[in-house]
Structure formats: C-alpha cells, structure tokens
Amino acid sequence: MNPRQDFPGLAAGLAAEPADLALWLPRGVAVLAAALGGLGVVMWIAANWESMGRVGHFALLQGLVLASGLGAGLIQAARLPLGLLAMLGIGALFAYFGQTYQTGADA
C-alpha cells in the first residue's frame, strides 16, 4: 500500500508547509497592515472633513508622512510597510493639497 496513491495531495507536496512561508507571511501581513492603516487614515479624514479645519488636515497628513518616513529610515525590519504607509500618506497629502488649493480652476 503506497500512501502517495491513497492521498493525492502527498504527491503534490501539500502535506508539508511551503518552504518560504515563515519568511514571507509576516512581511505580507505587515504590508497589508500598512496599506489598510494608510487607507484608513485617508478615509477617516474624508469622514471627518467638516469637523476638522484645514490646518488640522495638513498637520495630520504631514505627521503621518513624517512619522512613517522616519520609522522607515530608522527601523530596518519595518522598512517596507512603513515606506508603503509613507507613500500612501504622500498621495493623500498631494490629493488634499490639490483639492484645497485648486490652480487653474474657473470659479
């Protein structure tokens, strides 16, 4: 009796854990957490648009970019997720700046 014939998943290597899972799973979860965190800040600002002033919006977005950029520069283990969070924060900051100070738009 051959166990590989009884359970076809054994022949495909499905019984064992993937070789690089321990390396890539924490990185993937960290990138996902950074992306969801950055998008959460953008959505939070959009939801609280009227309750905060223009200075508050800029301060929050600039603080997000500054904190995540410094963290990416100083903490090597978290460089990728914090860099992604800084990139999302820069995009949100540029979008907010473009909406606040529209150039070339007719009144």
PDB file of N, CA and C in Angstrom:
ATOM      1  N   MET A   1       0.840  -1.173   0.000  1.00  0.00           N
ATOM      2  CA  MET A   1       0.000   0.000   0.000  1.00  0.00           C
ATOM      3  C   MET A   1       0.891   1.244   0.000  1.00  0.00           C
ATOM      4  N   ASN A   2       0.722   2.066  -0.983  1.00  0.00           N
ATOM      5  CA  ASN A   2       1.511   3.271  -1.145  1.00  0.00           C
ATOM      6  C   ASN A   2       0.697   4.480  -0.664  1.00  0.00           C
ATOM      7  N   PRO A   3       1.188   5.240   0.346  1.00  0.00           N
ATOM      8  CA  PRO A   3       0.397   6.372   0.846  1.00  0.00           C
ATOM      9  C   PRO A   3       0.239   7.474  -0.188  1.00  0.00           C
ATOM     10  N   ARG A   4       1.156   7.577  -1.137  1.00  0.00           N
ATOM     11  CA  ARG A   4       1.013   8.609  -2.166  1.00  0.00           C
ATOM     12  C   ARG A   4      -0.155   8.313  -3.099  1.00  0.00           C
ATOM     13  N   GLN A   5      -0.509   7.066  -3.264  1.00  0.00           N
ATOM     14  CA  GLN A   5      -1.661   6.721  -4.092  1.00  0.00           C
ATOM     15  C   GLN A   5      -2.961   6.880  -3.323  1.00  0.00           C
ATOM     16  N   ASP A   6      -2.919   6.693  -2.009  1.00  0.00           N
ATOM     17  CA  ASP A   6      -4.134   6.825  -1.206  1.00  0.00           C
ATOM     18  C   ASP A   6      -4.558   8.286  -1.067  1.00  0.00           C
ATOM     19  N   PHE A   7      -3.616   9.190  -0.982  1.00  0.00           N
ATOM     20  CA  PHE A   7      -3.920  10.609  -0.819  1.00  0.00           C
ATOM     21  C   PHE A   7      -3.113  11.390  -1.856  1.00  0.00           C
ATOM     22  N   PRO A   8      -3.755  11.843  -2.920  1.00  0.00           N
ATOM     23  CA  PRO A   8      -3.017  12.503  -3.996  1.00  0.00           C
ATOM     24  C   PRO A   8      -2.320  13.792  -3.553  1.00  0.00           C
ATOM     25  N   GLY A   9      -2.757  14.421  -2.483  1.00  0.00           N
ATOM     26  CA  GLY A   9      -2.131  15.647  -2.017  1.00  0.00           C
ATOM     27  C   GLY A   9      -0.702  15.431  -1.557  1.00  0.00           C
ATOM     28  N   LEU A  10      -0.366  14.231  -1.112  1.00  0.00           N
ATOM     29  CA  LEU A  10       1.002  13.942  -0.690  1.00  0.00           C
ATOM     30  C   LEU A  10       1.953  13.982  -1.873  1.00  0.00           C
ATOM     31  N   ALA A  11       1.516  13.491  -3.012  1.00  0.00           N
ATOM     32  CA  ALA A  11       2.369  13.508  -4.191  1.00  0.00           C
ATOM     33  C   ALA A  11       2.602  14.938  -4.676  1.00  0.00           C
ATOM     34  N   ALA A  12       1.633  15.823  -4.434  1.00  0.00           N
ATOM     35  CA  ALA A  12       1.762  17.213  -4.864  1.00  0.00           C
ATOM     36  C   ALA A  12       2.551  18.042  -3.861  1.00  0.00           C
ATOM     37  N   GLY A  13       2.864  17.470  -2.702  1.00  0.00           N
ATOM     38  CA  GLY A  13       3.613  18.200  -1.689  1.00  0.00           C
ATOM     39  C   GLY A  13       2.738  19.081  -0.824  1.00  0.00           C
ATOM     40  N   LEU A  14       1.438  18.791  -0.754  1.00  0.00           N
ATOM     41  CA  LEU A  14       0.523  19.617   0.021  1.00  0.00           C
ATOM     42  C   LEU A  14       0.532  19.302   1.506  1.00  0.00           C
ATOM     43  N   ALA A  15       1.170  18.232   1.896  1.00  0.00           N
ATOM     44  CA  ALA A  15       1.197  17.861   3.310  1.00  0.00           C
ATOM     45  C   ALA A  15       2.211  18.698   4.085  1.00  0.00           C
ATOM     46  N   ALA A  16       3.201  19.218   3.404  1.00  0.00           N
ATOM     47  CA  ALA A  16       4.246  19.993   4.070  1.00  0.00           C
ATOM     48  C   ALA A  16       3.971  21.487   3.922  1.00  0.00           C
ATOM     49  N   GLU A  17       4.490  22.255   4.854  1.00  0.00           N
ATOM     50  CA  GLU A  17       4.387  23.706   4.794  1.00  0.00           C
ATOM     51  C   GLU A  17       5.280  24.233   3.666  1.00  0.00           C
ATOM     52  N   PRO A  18       4.840  25.267   2.932  1.00  0.00           N
ATOM     53  CA  PRO A  18       5.711  25.828   1.893  1.00  0.00           C
ATOM     54  C   PRO A  18       7.038  26.292   2.488  1.00  0.00           C
ATOM     55  N   ALA A  19       8.085  26.190   1.711  1.00  0.00           N
ATOM     56  CA  ALA A  19       9.437  26.425   2.215  1.00  0.00           C
ATOM     57  C   ALA A  19       9.643  27.847   2.739  1.00  0.00           C
ATOM     58  N   ASP A  20       9.160  28.844   2.048  1.00  0.00           N
ATOM     59  CA  ASP A  20       9.416  30.235   2.428  1.00  0.00           C
ATOM     60  C   ASP A  20       8.252  30.879   3.169  1.00  0.00           C
ATOM     61  N   LEU A  21       7.318  30.092   3.669  1.00  0.00           N
ATOM     62  CA  LEU A  21       6.148  30.655   4.332  1.00  0.00           C
ATOM     63  C   LEU A  21       6.527  31.446   5.578  1.00  0.00           C
ATOM     64  N   ALA A  22       7.447  30.948   6.361  1.00  0.00           N
ATOM     65  CA  ALA A  22       7.853  31.641   7.589  1.00  0.00           C
ATOM     66  C   ALA A  22       8.535  32.964   7.284  1.00  0.00           C
ATOM     67  N   LEU A  23       9.108  33.101   6.106  1.00  0.00           N
ATOM     68  CA  LEU A  23       9.765  34.344   5.720  1.00  0.00           C
ATOM     69  C   LEU A  23       8.776  35.346   5.129  1.00  0.00           C
ATOM     70  N   TRP A  24       7.895  34.896   4.254  1.00  0.00           N
ATOM     71  CA  TRP A  24       7.043  35.808   3.508  1.00  0.00           C
ATOM     72  C   TRP A  24       5.726  36.139   4.182  1.00  0.00           C
ATOM     73  N   LEU A  25       5.206  35.287   5.037  1.00  0.00           N
ATOM     74  CA  LEU A  25       3.918  35.557   5.667  1.00  0.00           C
ATOM     75  C   LEU A  25       3.956  36.790   6.570  1.00  0.00           C
ATOM     76  N   PRO A  26       4.946  36.953   7.462  1.00  0.00           N
ATOM     77  CA  PRO A  26       4.965  38.182   8.274  1.00  0.00           C
ATOM     78  C   PRO A  26       5.167  39.444   7.435  1.00  0.00           C
ATOM     79  N   ARG A  27       5.951  39.349   6.385  1.00  0.00           N
ATOM     80  CA  ARG A  27       6.144  40.512   5.510  1.00  0.00           C
ATOM     81  C   ARG A  27       4.851  40.878   4.796  1.00  0.00           C
ATOM     82  N   GLY A  28       4.175  39.880   4.305  1.00  0.00           N
ATOM     83  CA  GLY A  28       2.916  40.137   3.610  1.00  0.00           C
ATOM     84  C   GLY A  28       1.855  40.719   4.532  1.00  0.00           C
ATOM     85  N   VAL A  29       1.785  40.211   5.742  1.00  0.00           N
ATOM     86  CA  VAL A  29       0.824  40.744   6.716  1.00  0.00           C
ATOM     87  C   VAL A  29       1.200  42.170   7.099  1.00  0.00           C
ATOM     88  N   ALA A  30       2.482  42.467   7.230  1.00  0.00           N
ATOM     89  CA  ALA A  30       2.919  43.828   7.565  1.00  0.00           C
ATOM     90  C   ALA A  30       2.595  44.805   6.444  1.00  0.00           C
ATOM     91  N   VAL A  31       2.792  44.400   5.200  1.00  0.00           N
ATOM     92  CA  VAL A  31       2.456  45.267   4.069  1.00  0.00           C
ATOM     93  C   VAL A  31       0.953  45.488   4.002  1.00  0.00           C
ATOM     94  N   LEU A  32       0.184  44.436   4.223  1.00  0.00           N
ATOM     95  CA  LEU A  32      -1.273  44.571   4.230  1.00  0.00           C
ATOM     96  C   LEU A  32      -1.724  45.492   5.357  1.00  0.00           C
ATOM     97  N   ALA A  33      -1.125  45.370   6.528  1.00  0.00           N
ATOM     98  CA  ALA A  33      -1.481  46.231   7.652  1.00  0.00           C
ATOM     99  C   ALA A  33      -1.127  47.685   7.361  1.00  0.00           C
ATOM    100  N   ALA A  34       0.010  47.937   6.739  1.00  0.00           N
ATOM    101  CA  ALA A  34       0.392  49.309   6.388  1.00  0.00           C
ATOM    102  C   ALA A  34      -0.563  49.895   5.356  1.00  0.00           C
ATOM    103  N   ALA A  35      -0.914  49.099   4.363  1.00  0.00           N
ATOM    104  CA  ALA A  35      -1.840  49.589   3.337  1.00  0.00           C
ATOM    105  C   ALA A  35      -3.202  49.893   3.940  1.00  0.00           C
ATOM    106  N   LEU A  36      -3.714  48.997   4.771  1.00  0.00           N
ATOM    107  CA  LEU A  36      -5.013  49.237   5.390  1.00  0.00           C
ATOM    108  C   LEU A  36      -4.962  50.400   6.371  1.00  0.00           C
ATOM    109  N   GLY A  37      -3.845  50.549   7.081  1.00  0.00           N
ATOM    110  CA  GLY A  37      -3.702  51.679   8.000  1.00  0.00           C
ATOM    111  C   GLY A  37      -3.659  53.005   7.265  1.00  0.00           C
ATOM    112  N   GLY A  38      -2.893  53.072   6.189  1.00  0.00           N
ATOM    113  CA  GLY A  38      -2.811  54.295   5.395  1.00  0.00           C
ATOM    114  C   GLY A  38      -4.135  54.662   4.753  1.00  0.00           C
ATOM    115  N   LEU A  39      -4.806  53.677   4.195  1.00  0.00           N
ATOM    116  CA  LEU A  39      -6.107  53.943   3.606  1.00  0.00           C
ATOM    117  C   LEU A  39      -7.143  54.286   4.671  1.00  0.00           C
ATOM    118  N   GLY A  40      -6.983  53.721   5.860  1.00  0.00           N
ATOM    119  CA  GLY A  40      -7.876  54.061   6.969  1.00  0.00           C
ATOM    120  C   GLY A  40      -7.738  55.516   7.379  1.00  0.00           C
ATOM    121  N   VAL A  41      -6.508  56.028   7.403  1.00  0.00           N
ATOM    122  CA  VAL A  41      -6.296  57.450   7.727  1.00  0.00           C
ATOM    123  C   VAL A  41      -6.941  58.330   6.660  1.00  0.00           C
ATOM    124  N   VAL A  42      -6.784  57.969   5.404  1.00  0.00           N
ATOM    125  CA  VAL A  42      -7.388  58.743   4.322  1.00  0.00           C
ATOM    126  C   VAL A  42      -8.911  58.749   4.467  1.00  0.00           C
ATOM    127  N   MET A  43      -9.499  57.605   4.742  1.00  0.00           N
ATOM    128  CA  MET A  43     -10.954  57.524   4.894  1.00  0.00           C
ATOM    129  C   MET A  43     -11.431  58.246   6.151  1.00  0.00           C
ATOM    130  N   TRP A  44     -10.632  58.213   7.208  1.00  0.00           N
ATOM    131  CA  TRP A  44     -11.002  58.908   8.431  1.00  0.00           C
ATOM    132  C   TRP A  44     -11.034  60.409   8.204  1.00  0.00           C
ATOM    133  N   ILE A  45     -10.052  60.919   7.479  1.00  0.00           N
ATOM    134  CA  ILE A  45     -10.058  62.350   7.149  1.00  0.00           C
ATOM    135  C   ILE A  45     -11.272  62.685   6.293  1.00  0.00           C
ATOM    136  N   ALA A  46     -11.595  61.834   5.338  1.00  0.00           N
ATOM    137  CA  ALA A  46     -12.763  62.083   4.486  1.00  0.00           C
ATOM    138  C   ALA A  46     -14.055  62.052   5.302  1.00  0.00           C
ATOM    139  N   ALA A  47     -14.142  61.167   6.277  1.00  0.00           N
ATOM    140  CA  ALA A  47     -15.360  61.077   7.092  1.00  0.00           C
ATOM    141  C   ALA A  47     -15.489  62.261   8.043  1.00  0.00           C
ATOM    142  N   ASN A  48     -14.384  62.804   8.515  1.00  0.00           N
ATOM    143  CA  ASN A  48     -14.403  63.920   9.460  1.00  0.00           C
ATOM    144  C   ASN A  48     -14.018  65.230   8.781  1.00  0.00           C
ATOM    145  N   TRP A  49     -14.370  65.379   7.538  1.00  0.00           N
ATOM    146  CA  TRP A  49     -13.956  66.522   6.743  1.00  0.00           C
ATOM    147  C   TRP A  49     -14.433  67.841   7.337  1.00  0.00           C
ATOM    148  N   GLU A  50     -15.666  67.889   7.759  1.00  0.00           N
ATOM    149  CA  GLU A  50     -16.250  69.138   8.239  1.00  0.00           C
ATOM    150  C   GLU A  50     -15.827  69.477   9.656  1.00  0.00           C
ATOM    151  N   SER A  51     -15.502  68.492  10.457  1.00  0.00           N
ATOM    152  CA  SER A  51     -15.202  68.756  11.869  1.00  0.00           C
ATOM    153  C   SER A  51     -13.780  69.258  12.096  1.00  0.00           C
ATOM    154  N   MET A  52     -12.892  69.051  11.157  1.00  0.00           N
ATOM    155  CA  MET A  52     -11.504  69.496  11.285  1.00  0.00           C
ATOM    156  C   MET A  52     -11.262  70.663  10.344  1.00  0.00           C
ATOM    157  N   GLY A  53     -10.377  71.538  10.728  1.00  0.00           N
ATOM    158  CA  GLY A  53     -10.015  72.661   9.870  1.00  0.00           C
ATOM    159  C   GLY A  53      -8.939  72.284   8.877  1.00  0.00           C
ATOM    160  N   ARG A  54      -8.620  73.229   8.014  1.00  0.00           N
ATOM    161  CA  ARG A  54      -7.598  72.997   7.002  1.00  0.00           C
ATOM    162  C   ARG A  54      -6.238  72.711   7.628  1.00  0.00           C
ATOM    163  N   VAL A  55      -5.912  73.429   8.693  1.00  0.00           N
ATOM    164  CA  VAL A  55      -4.621  73.219   9.362  1.00  0.00           C
ATOM    165  C   VAL A  55      -4.574  71.833   9.993  1.00  0.00           C
ATOM    166  N   GLY A  56      -5.679  71.388  10.561  1.00  0.00           N
ATOM    167  CA  GLY A  56      -5.727  70.050  11.158  1.00  0.00           C
ATOM    168  C   GLY A  56      -5.521  68.949  10.132  1.00  0.00           C
ATOM    169  N   HIS A  57      -6.125  69.111   8.970  1.00  0.00           N
ATOM    170  CA  HIS A  57      -5.940  68.117   7.906  1.00  0.00           C
ATOM    171  C   HIS A  57      -4.482  68.047   7.475  1.00  0.00           C
ATOM    172  N   PHE A  58      -3.896  69.231   7.220  1.00  0.00           N
ATOM    173  CA  PHE A  58      -2.497  69.248   6.790  1.00  0.00           C
ATOM    174  C   PHE A  58      -1.573  68.708   7.877  1.00  0.00           C
ATOM    175  N   ALA A  59      -1.832  69.075   9.131  1.00  0.00           N
ATOM    176  CA  ALA A  59      -0.979  68.602  10.226  1.00  0.00           C
ATOM    177  C   ALA A  59      -1.055  67.087  10.367  1.00  0.00           C
ATOM    178  N   LEU A  60      -2.252  66.545  10.265  1.00  0.00           N
ATOM    179  CA  LEU A  60      -2.411  65.089  10.397  1.00  0.00           C
ATOM    180  C   LEU A  60      -1.707  64.358   9.257  1.00  0.00           C
ATOM    181  N   LEU A  61      -1.900  64.815   8.041  1.00  0.00           N
ATOM    182  CA  LEU A  61      -1.273  64.143   6.904  1.00  0.00           C
ATOM    183  C   LEU A  61       0.238  64.304   6.914  1.00  0.00           C
ATOM    184  N   GLN A  62       0.723  65.487   7.249  1.00  0.00           N
ATOM    185  CA  GLN A  62       2.164  65.688   7.312  1.00  0.00           C
ATOM    186  C   GLN A  62       2.780  64.900   8.463  1.00  0.00           C
ATOM    187  N   GLY A  63       2.054  64.800   9.585  1.00  0.00           N
ATOM    188  CA  GLY A  63       2.540  63.987  10.700  1.00  0.00           C
ATOM    189  C   GLY A  63       2.623  62.516  10.336  1.00  0.00           C
ATOM    190  N   LEU A  64       1.629  62.031   9.576  1.00  0.00           N
ATOM    191  CA  LEU A  64       1.655  60.640   9.118  1.00  0.00           C
ATOM    192  C   LEU A  64       2.861  60.390   8.222  1.00  0.00           C
ATOM    193  N   VAL A  65       3.106  61.297   7.277  1.00  0.00           N
ATOM    194  CA  VAL A  65       4.243  61.130   6.365  1.00  0.00           C
ATOM    195  C   VAL A  65       5.560  61.206   7.132  1.00  0.00           C
ATOM    196  N   LEU A  66       5.660  62.157   8.052  1.00  0.00           N
ATOM    197  CA  LEU A  66       6.891  62.317   8.819  1.00  0.00           C
ATOM    198  C   LEU A  66       7.163  61.106   9.708  1.00  0.00           C
ATOM    199  N   ALA A  67       6.150  60.659  10.445  1.00  0.00           N
ATOM    200  CA  ALA A  67       6.347  59.530  11.365  1.00  0.00           C
ATOM    201  C   ALA A  67       6.665  58.243  10.619  1.00  0.00           C
ATOM    202  N   SER A  68       5.922  57.965   9.554  1.00  0.00           N
ATOM    203  CA  SER A  68       6.189  56.720   8.825  1.00  0.00           C
ATOM    204  C   SER A  68       7.501  56.804   8.043  1.00  0.00           C
ATOM    205  N   GLY A  69       7.854  57.973   7.543  1.00  0.00           N
ATOM    206  CA  GLY A  69       9.137  58.123   6.852  1.00  0.00           C
ATOM    207  C   GLY A  69      10.318  57.961   7.787  1.00  0.00           C
ATOM    208  N   LEU A  70      10.234  58.576   8.974  1.00  0.00           N
ATOM    209  CA  LEU A  70      11.302  58.402   9.963  1.00  0.00           C
ATOM    210  C   LEU A  70      11.388  56.951  10.431  1.00  0.00           C
ATOM    211  N   GLY A  71      10.230  56.344  10.646  1.00  0.00           N
ATOM    212  CA  GLY A  71      10.226  54.938  11.057  1.00  0.00           C
ATOM    213  C   GLY A  71      10.836  54.035  10.003  1.00  0.00           C
ATOM    214  N   ALA A  72      10.538  54.320   8.734  1.00  0.00           N
ATOM    215  CA  ALA A  72      11.112  53.510   7.653  1.00  0.00           C
ATOM    216  C   ALA A  72      12.620  53.701   7.564  1.00  0.00           C
ATOM    217  N   GLY A  73      13.078  54.901   7.880  1.00  0.00           N
ATOM    218  CA  GLY A  73      14.512  55.152   7.831  1.00  0.00           C
ATOM    219  C   GLY A  73      15.270  54.578   9.014  1.00  0.00           C
ATOM    220  N   LEU A  74      14.615  54.474  10.153  1.00  0.00           N
ATOM    221  CA  LEU A  74      15.309  54.049  11.371  1.00  0.00           C
ATOM    222  C   LEU A  74      15.123  52.574  11.718  1.00  0.00           C
ATOM    223  N   ILE A  75      14.001  51.988  11.362  1.00  0.00           N
ATOM    224  CA  ILE A  75      13.698  50.602  11.736  1.00  0.00           C
ATOM    225  C   ILE A  75      13.787  49.738  10.483  1.00  0.00           C
ATOM    226  N   GLN A  76      14.875  49.033  10.346  1.00  0.00           N
ATOM    227  CA  GLN A  76      15.098  48.258   9.124  1.00  0.00           C
ATOM    228  C   GLN A  76      14.085  47.124   8.962  1.00  0.00           C
ATOM    229  N   ALA A  77      13.665  46.513  10.036  1.00  0.00           N
ATOM    230  CA  ALA A  77      12.732  45.392   9.929  1.00  0.00           C
ATOM    231  C   ALA A  77      11.364  45.846   9.422  1.00  0.00           C
ATOM    232  N   ALA A  78      11.010  47.102   9.668  1.00  0.00           N
ATOM    233  CA  ALA A  78       9.699  47.615   9.258  1.00  0.00           C
ATOM    234  C   ALA A  78       9.809  48.579   8.089  1.00  0.00           C
ATOM    235  N   ARG A  79      10.894  48.531   7.362  1.00  0.00           N
ATOM    236  CA  ARG A  79      11.128  49.490   6.284  1.00  0.00           C
ATOM    237  C   ARG A  79      10.084  49.399   5.180  1.00  0.00           C
ATOM    238  N   LEU A  80       9.748  48.216   4.747  1.00  0.00           N
ATOM    239  CA  LEU A  80       8.799  48.061   3.646  1.00  0.00           C
ATOM    240  C   LEU A  80       7.393  48.512   4.029  1.00  0.00           C
ATOM    241  N   PRO A  81       6.816  48.049   5.126  1.00  0.00           N
ATOM    242  CA  PRO A  81       5.459  48.512   5.442  1.00  0.00           C
ATOM    243  C   PRO A  81       5.390  49.997   5.783  1.00  0.00           C
ATOM    244  N   LEU A  82       6.381  50.512   6.494  1.00  0.00           N
ATOM    245  CA  LEU A  82       6.354  51.930   6.829  1.00  0.00           C
ATOM    246  C   LEU A  82       6.611  52.797   5.599  1.00  0.00           C
ATOM    247  N   GLY A  83       7.415  52.314   4.679  1.00  0.00           N
ATOM    248  CA  GLY A  83       7.609  53.029   3.421  1.00  0.00           C
ATOM    249  C   GLY A  83       6.328  53.082   2.603  1.00  0.00           C
ATOM    250  N   LEU A  84       5.581  51.979   2.607  1.00  0.00           N
ATOM    251  CA  LEU A  84       4.292  51.956   1.919  1.00  0.00           C
ATOM    252  C   LEU A  84       3.318  52.910   2.584  1.00  0.00           C
ATOM    253  N   LEU A  85       3.310  52.941   3.897  1.00  0.00           N
ATOM    254  CA  LEU A  85       2.436  53.858   4.626  1.00  0.00           C
ATOM    255  C   LEU A  85       2.818  55.308   4.327  1.00  0.00           C
ATOM    256  N   ALA A  86       4.111  55.610   4.251  1.00  0.00           N
ATOM    257  CA  ALA A  86       4.552  56.964   3.900  1.00  0.00           C
ATOM    258  C   ALA A  86       4.132  57.317   2.474  1.00  0.00           C
ATOM    259  N   MET A  87       4.229  56.370   1.560  1.00  0.00           N
ATOM    260  CA  MET A  87       3.822  56.630   0.183  1.00  0.00           C
ATOM    261  C   MET A  87       2.330  56.923   0.101  1.00  0.00           C
ATOM    262  N   LEU A  88       1.508  56.173   0.816  1.00  0.00           N
ATOM    263  CA  LEU A  88       0.068  56.435   0.838  1.00  0.00           C
ATOM    264  C   LEU A  88      -0.219  57.785   1.471  1.00  0.00           C
ATOM    265  N   GLY A  89       0.525  58.130   2.507  1.00  0.00           N
ATOM    266  CA  GLY A  89       0.342  59.427   3.146  1.00  0.00           C
ATOM    267  C   GLY A  89       0.725  60.575   2.222  1.00  0.00           C
ATOM    268  N   ILE A  90       1.790  60.396   1.432  1.00  0.00           N
ATOM    269  CA  ILE A  90       2.183  61.434   0.470  1.00  0.00           C
ATOM    270  C   ILE A  90       1.101  61.603  -0.597  1.00  0.00           C
ATOM    271  N   GLY A  91       0.555  60.488  -1.052  1.00  0.00           N
ATOM    272  CA  GLY A  91      -0.534  60.574  -2.033  1.00  0.00           C
ATOM    273  C   GLY A  91      -1.745  61.298  -1.467  1.00  0.00           C
ATOM    274  N   ALA A  92      -2.084  61.006  -0.223  1.00  0.00           N
ATOM    275  CA  ALA A  92      -3.217  61.685   0.408  1.00  0.00           C
ATOM    276  C   ALA A  92      -2.918  63.165   0.611  1.00  0.00           C
ATOM    277  N   LEU A  93      -1.684  63.486   0.973  1.00  0.00           N
ATOM    278  CA  LEU A  93      -1.300  64.883   1.165  1.00  0.00           C
ATOM    279  C   LEU A  93      -1.360  65.654  -0.153  1.00  0.00           C
ATOM    280  N   PHE A  94      -0.865  65.057  -1.228  1.00  0.00           N
ATOM    281  CA  PHE A  94      -0.946  65.720  -2.537  1.00  0.00           C
ATOM    282  C   PHE A  94      -2.392  65.878  -2.989  1.00  0.00           C
ATOM    283  N   ALA A  95      -3.203  64.861  -2.761  1.00  0.00           N
ATOM    284  CA  ALA A  95      -4.614  64.951  -3.144  1.00  0.00           C
ATOM    285  C   ALA A  95      -5.318  66.042  -2.353  1.00  0.00           C
ATOM    286  N   TYR A  96      -5.045  66.120  -1.066  1.00  0.00           N
ATOM    287  CA  TYR A  96      -5.679  67.156  -0.254  1.00  0.00           C
ATOM    288  C   TYR A  96      -5.197  68.542  -0.660  1.00  0.00           C
ATOM    289  N   PHE A  97      -3.918  68.687  -0.926  1.00  0.00           N
ATOM    290  CA  PHE A  97      -3.384  69.972  -1.376  1.00  0.00           C
ATOM    291  C   PHE A  97      -4.034  70.388  -2.697  1.00  0.00           C
ATOM    292  N   GLY A  98      -4.187  69.441  -3.606  1.00  0.00           N
ATOM    293  CA  GLY A  98      -4.806  69.736  -4.891  1.00  0.00           C
ATOM    294  C   GLY A  98      -6.268  70.123  -4.766  1.00  0.00           C
ATOM    295  N   GLN A  99      -6.969  69.542  -3.798  1.00  0.00           N
ATOM    296  CA  GLN A  99      -8.373  69.894  -3.593  1.00  0.00           C
ATOM    297  C   GLN A  99      -8.512  71.215  -2.848  1.00  0.00           C
ATOM    298  N   THR A 100      -7.563  71.520  -1.977  1.00  0.00           N
ATOM    299  CA  THR A 100      -7.656  72.730  -1.176  1.00  0.00           C
ATOM    300  C   THR A 100      -7.257  73.953  -1.981  1.00  0.00           C
ATOM    301  N   TYR A 101      -6.153  73.859  -2.705  1.00  0.00           N
ATOM    302  CA  TYR A 101      -5.637  74.977  -3.485  1.00  0.00           C
ATOM    303  C   TYR A 101      -5.685  74.608  -4.966  1.00  0.00           C
ATOM    304  N   GLN A 102      -6.866  74.696  -5.531  1.00  0.00           N
ATOM    305  CA  GLN A 102      -7.029  74.335  -6.931  1.00  0.00           C
ATOM    306  C   GLN A 102      -6.440  75.427  -7.805  1.00  0.00           C
ATOM    307  N   THR A 103      -5.534  75.041  -8.660  1.00  0.00           N
ATOM    308  CA  THR A 103      -4.906  76.006  -9.551  1.00  0.00           C
ATOM    309  C   THR A 103      -5.499  75.831 -10.951  1.00  0.00           C
ATOM    310  N   GLY A 104      -5.814  76.938 -11.573  1.00  0.00           N
ATOM    311  CA  GLY A 104      -6.331  76.882 -12.932  1.00  0.00           C
ATOM    312  C   GLY A 104      -7.800  76.529 -13.021  1.00  0.00           C
ATOM    313  N   ALA A 105      -8.472  76.393 -11.887  1.00  0.00           N
ATOM    314  CA  ALA A 105      -9.891  76.051 -11.914  1.00  0.00           C
ATOM    315  C   ALA A 105     -10.711  77.337 -11.999  1.00  0.00           C
ATOM    316  N   ASP A 106     -11.678  77.341 -12.873  1.00  0.00           N
ATOM    317  CA  ASP A 106     -12.565  78.504 -13.002  1.00  0.00           C
ATOM    318  C   ASP A 106     -13.557  78.516 -11.859  1.00  0.00           C
ATOM    319  N   ALA A 107     -13.872  79.697 -11.399  1.00  0.00           N
ATOM    320  CA  ALA A 107     -14.825  79.834 -10.281  1.00  0.00           C
ATOM    321  C   ALA A 107     -16.241  79.598 -10.745  1.00  0.00           C
TER     322      ALA A 107
END
